[in-house]
Amino acid sequence: MLPSTLKKEQKTKIVADVQKWAGDVKVKTTELGEKKLAYKIRGAQSADYVLFELEGENIAKDLVTRMENSDDIMRQLVVRMS
């Protein structure tokens, strides 16, 4: 989830950063648009949702840490599919 207050250029940079952090894997990115939040997160009532589907064996181990430490990513959820 990205803050809906970010400009298009900033969102594009964040998406590119996450793709770079993922390592040498296939990345499919889907922007789901702005959605109203059930409760405020960092004072925001809405956020832009972005879905990253990563496919590969060697996904970077520090991907989650980097997303958690990014000030521009409000929330993330990583699910491993076998």
N, C-alpha and C. Protein backbone atom coordinates (compact mmCIF):
# COMPACT_ATOMS: atom_id res chain seq x y z
N MET A 1 0.83 -1.16 0.00
CA MET A 1 0.00 0.00 0.00
C MET A 1 0.89 1.24 0.00
N LEU A 2 0.58 2.14 -0.89
CA LEU A 2 1.32 3.39 -1.00
C LEU A 2 0.39 4.54 -0.64
N PRO A 3 0.93 5.60 -0.04
CA PRO A 3 0.09 6.75 0.27
C PRO A 3 -0.54 7.32 -1.01
N SER A 4 -1.82 7.61 -0.96
CA SER A 4 -2.48 8.15 -2.14
C SER A 4 -2.07 9.58 -2.42
N THR A 5 -1.34 10.20 -1.49
CA THR A 5 -0.88 11.57 -1.69
C THR A 5 0.38 11.67 -2.54
N LEU A 6 1.02 10.53 -2.82
CA LEU A 6 2.24 10.55 -3.63
C LEU A 6 1.92 10.89 -5.08
N LYS A 7 2.86 11.57 -5.73
CA LYS A 7 2.70 11.88 -7.15
C LYS A 7 3.02 10.63 -7.98
N LYS A 8 2.55 10.62 -9.21
CA LYS A 8 2.73 9.49 -10.12
C LYS A 8 4.21 9.12 -10.27
N GLU A 9 5.08 10.11 -10.38
CA GLU A 9 6.51 9.86 -10.55
C GLU A 9 7.09 9.15 -9.32
N GLN A 10 6.64 9.55 -8.14
CA GLN A 10 7.12 8.92 -6.91
C GLN A 10 6.66 7.47 -6.83
N LYS A 11 5.41 7.22 -7.21
CA LYS A 11 4.88 5.86 -7.18
C LYS A 11 5.62 4.97 -8.18
N THR A 12 5.91 5.52 -9.35
CA THR A 12 6.65 4.78 -10.37
C THR A 12 8.04 4.41 -9.86
N LYS A 13 8.69 5.34 -9.15
CA LYS A 13 10.02 5.07 -8.60
C LYS A 13 9.95 3.97 -7.53
N ILE A 14 8.95 4.00 -6.68
CA ILE A 14 8.81 2.99 -5.63
C ILE A 14 8.59 1.61 -6.25
N VAL A 15 7.74 1.54 -7.26
CA VAL A 15 7.48 0.27 -7.96
C VAL A 15 8.77 -0.25 -8.57
N ALA A 16 9.55 0.63 -9.20
CA ALA A 16 10.83 0.22 -9.80
C ALA A 16 11.80 -0.26 -8.73
N ASP A 17 11.81 0.42 -7.58
CA ASP A 17 12.70 0.01 -6.49
C ASP A 17 12.35 -1.39 -5.99
N VAL A 18 11.07 -1.67 -5.80
CA VAL A 18 10.66 -2.99 -5.31
C VAL A 18 11.04 -4.06 -6.33
N GLN A 19 10.86 -3.78 -7.61
CA GLN A 19 11.25 -4.74 -8.64
C GLN A 19 12.75 -5.00 -8.59
N LYS A 20 13.54 -3.95 -8.35
CA LYS A 20 15.00 -4.09 -8.25
C LYS A 20 15.37 -4.89 -6.99
N TRP A 21 14.70 -4.62 -5.89
CA TRP A 21 14.98 -5.31 -4.63
C TRP A 21 14.65 -6.79 -4.71
N ALA A 22 13.70 -7.18 -5.57
CA ALA A 22 13.27 -8.57 -5.67
C ALA A 22 14.38 -9.46 -6.22
N GLY A 23 15.32 -8.89 -6.91
CA GLY A 23 16.41 -9.68 -7.47
C GLY A 23 16.10 -10.11 -8.89
N ASP A 24 16.77 -11.15 -9.33
CA ASP A 24 16.67 -11.62 -10.71
C ASP A 24 15.53 -12.63 -10.84
N VAL A 25 14.29 -12.13 -10.72
CA VAL A 25 13.11 -12.99 -10.84
C VAL A 25 12.09 -12.29 -11.74
N LYS A 26 11.13 -13.06 -12.19
CA LYS A 26 10.04 -12.50 -13.00
C LYS A 26 9.08 -11.76 -12.07
N VAL A 27 8.78 -10.50 -12.40
CA VAL A 27 7.90 -9.68 -11.57
C VAL A 27 6.73 -9.19 -12.41
N LYS A 28 5.52 -9.47 -11.95
CA LYS A 28 4.31 -8.95 -12.60
C LYS A 28 3.71 -7.93 -11.63
N THR A 29 3.52 -6.71 -12.10
CA THR A 29 3.01 -5.63 -11.26
C THR A 29 1.61 -5.23 -11.73
N THR A 30 0.68 -5.16 -10.79
CA THR A 30 -0.68 -4.73 -11.08
C THR A 30 -1.06 -3.61 -10.12
N GLU A 31 -1.38 -2.46 -10.66
CA GLU A 31 -1.83 -1.36 -9.83
C GLU A 31 -3.34 -1.47 -9.68
N LEU A 32 -3.79 -1.64 -8.43
CA LEU A 32 -5.21 -1.86 -8.15
C LEU A 32 -5.96 -0.57 -7.86
N GLY A 33 -5.25 0.53 -7.79
CA GLY A 33 -5.89 1.83 -7.62
C GLY A 33 -6.07 2.22 -6.16
N GLU A 34 -6.73 3.35 -5.99
CA GLU A 34 -6.94 3.90 -4.65
C GLU A 34 -8.16 3.25 -4.00
N LYS A 35 -7.99 2.88 -2.75
CA LYS A 35 -9.08 2.26 -1.99
C LYS A 35 -9.18 2.94 -0.63
N LYS A 36 -10.40 3.02 -0.12
CA LYS A 36 -10.64 3.56 1.21
C LYS A 36 -10.21 2.52 2.23
N LEU A 37 -9.54 2.97 3.28
CA LEU A 37 -9.06 2.07 4.32
C LEU A 37 -10.14 1.87 5.39
N ALA A 38 -10.14 0.72 6.01
CA ALA A 38 -11.09 0.43 7.09
C ALA A 38 -10.77 1.27 8.33
N TYR A 39 -9.50 1.60 8.50
CA TYR A 39 -9.06 2.43 9.62
C TYR A 39 -7.85 3.24 9.15
N LYS A 40 -7.57 4.31 9.84
CA LYS A 40 -6.46 5.17 9.45
C LYS A 40 -5.12 4.47 9.66
N ILE A 41 -4.26 4.64 8.68
CA ILE A 41 -2.87 4.16 8.76
C ILE A 41 -1.99 5.37 8.49
N ARG A 42 -1.14 5.71 9.48
CA ARG A 42 -0.29 6.90 9.38
C ARG A 42 -1.12 8.14 9.10
N GLY A 43 -2.34 8.19 9.60
CA GLY A 43 -3.21 9.33 9.43
C GLY A 43 -3.95 9.37 8.10
N ALA A 44 -3.71 8.41 7.23
CA ALA A 44 -4.35 8.39 5.91
C ALA A 44 -5.65 7.56 5.94
N GLN A 45 -6.64 8.02 5.19
CA GLN A 45 -7.90 7.29 5.11
C GLN A 45 -8.03 6.49 3.82
N SER A 46 -7.06 6.68 2.90
CA SER A 46 -7.06 5.91 1.66
C SER A 46 -5.62 5.62 1.26
N ALA A 47 -5.46 4.62 0.39
CA ALA A 47 -4.12 4.24 -0.07
C ALA A 47 -4.23 3.64 -1.47
N ASP A 48 -3.14 3.71 -2.21
CA ASP A 48 -3.05 3.07 -3.51
C ASP A 48 -2.49 1.67 -3.32
N TYR A 49 -3.20 0.69 -3.84
CA TYR A 49 -2.79 -0.70 -3.70
C TYR A 49 -2.01 -1.13 -4.95
N VAL A 50 -0.89 -1.80 -4.72
CA VAL A 50 -0.07 -2.33 -5.81
C VAL A 50 0.21 -3.79 -5.49
N LEU A 51 -0.05 -4.67 -6.45
CA LEU A 51 0.18 -6.11 -6.29
C LEU A 51 1.42 -6.49 -7.09
N PHE A 52 2.37 -7.13 -6.41
CA PHE A 52 3.57 -7.65 -7.06
C PHE A 52 3.50 -9.17 -7.00
N GLU A 53 3.56 -9.80 -8.15
CA GLU A 53 3.62 -11.26 -8.21
C GLU A 53 5.03 -11.64 -8.66
N LEU A 54 5.77 -12.28 -7.76
CA LEU A 54 7.16 -12.64 -8.02
C LEU A 54 7.23 -14.13 -8.30
N GLU A 55 7.93 -14.48 -9.36
CA GLU A 55 8.05 -15.89 -9.73
C GLU A 55 9.51 -16.23 -9.92
N GLY A 56 10.00 -17.15 -9.11
CA GLY A 56 11.39 -17.55 -9.23
C GLY A 56 11.88 -18.19 -7.96
N GLU A 57 13.04 -18.78 -8.05
CA GLU A 57 13.64 -19.49 -6.92
C GLU A 57 14.48 -18.58 -6.05
N ASN A 58 15.11 -17.59 -6.64
CA ASN A 58 16.10 -16.78 -5.92
C ASN A 58 15.58 -15.38 -5.60
N ILE A 59 14.43 -15.30 -4.95
CA ILE A 59 13.90 -14.00 -4.56
C ILE A 59 14.77 -13.47 -3.42
N ALA A 60 15.15 -12.21 -3.52
CA ALA A 60 16.06 -11.62 -2.54
C ALA A 60 15.51 -11.76 -1.12
N LYS A 61 16.34 -12.21 -0.22
CA LYS A 61 15.93 -12.47 1.17
C LYS A 61 15.60 -11.19 1.92
N ASP A 62 16.21 -10.08 1.53
CA ASP A 62 15.98 -8.84 2.25
C ASP A 62 14.85 -7.99 1.66
N LEU A 63 14.07 -8.56 0.76
CA LEU A 63 12.97 -7.82 0.13
C LEU A 63 11.98 -7.31 1.17
N VAL A 64 11.55 -8.16 2.08
CA VAL A 64 10.58 -7.77 3.11
C VAL A 64 11.17 -6.70 4.01
N THR A 65 12.42 -6.86 4.40
CA THR A 65 13.07 -5.87 5.27
C THR A 65 13.13 -4.52 4.60
N ARG A 66 13.48 -4.50 3.33
CA ARG A 66 13.56 -3.23 2.60
C ARG A 66 12.18 -2.58 2.48
N MET A 67 11.15 -3.38 2.23
CA MET A 67 9.80 -2.81 2.13
C MET A 67 9.35 -2.28 3.49
N GLU A 68 9.65 -2.99 4.57
CA GLU A 68 9.28 -2.54 5.91
C GLU A 68 10.00 -1.24 6.28
N ASN A 69 11.22 -1.09 5.84
CA ASN A 69 12.02 0.09 6.18
C ASN A 69 11.77 1.29 5.27
N SER A 70 11.04 1.09 4.20
CA SER A 70 10.74 2.18 3.27
C SER A 70 9.67 3.09 3.88
N ASP A 71 9.94 4.38 3.91
CA ASP A 71 8.97 5.34 4.44
C ASP A 71 7.76 5.49 3.53
N ASP A 72 7.90 5.15 2.25
CA ASP A 72 6.82 5.36 1.29
C ASP A 72 5.87 4.17 1.16
N ILE A 73 6.22 3.04 1.73
CA ILE A 73 5.34 1.88 1.69
C ILE A 73 4.63 1.80 3.04
N MET A 74 3.30 1.97 3.01
CA MET A 74 2.53 2.01 4.25
C MET A 74 2.39 0.63 4.89
N ARG A 75 2.08 -0.34 4.08
CA ARG A 75 1.90 -1.72 4.56
C ARG A 75 2.27 -2.67 3.43
N GLN A 76 2.67 -3.88 3.82
CA GLN A 76 2.97 -4.92 2.84
C GLN A 76 2.57 -6.26 3.41
N LEU A 77 2.28 -7.17 2.53
CA LEU A 77 1.98 -8.55 2.91
C LEU A 77 2.67 -9.45 1.91
N VAL A 78 3.48 -10.34 2.41
CA VAL A 78 4.21 -11.27 1.54
C VAL A 78 3.69 -12.67 1.82
N VAL A 79 3.23 -13.34 0.77
CA VAL A 79 2.70 -14.69 0.88
C VAL A 79 3.50 -15.58 -0.06
N ARG A 80 4.01 -16.68 0.47
CA ARG A 80 4.75 -17.62 -0.38
C ARG A 80 3.79 -18.71 -0.85
N MET A 81 3.74 -18.91 -2.14
CA MET A 81 2.88 -19.93 -2.75
C MET A 81 3.77 -21.07 -3.20
N SER A 82 3.46 -22.29 -2.84
CA SER A 82 4.30 -23.42 -3.25
C SER A 82 3.78 -24.05 -4.50
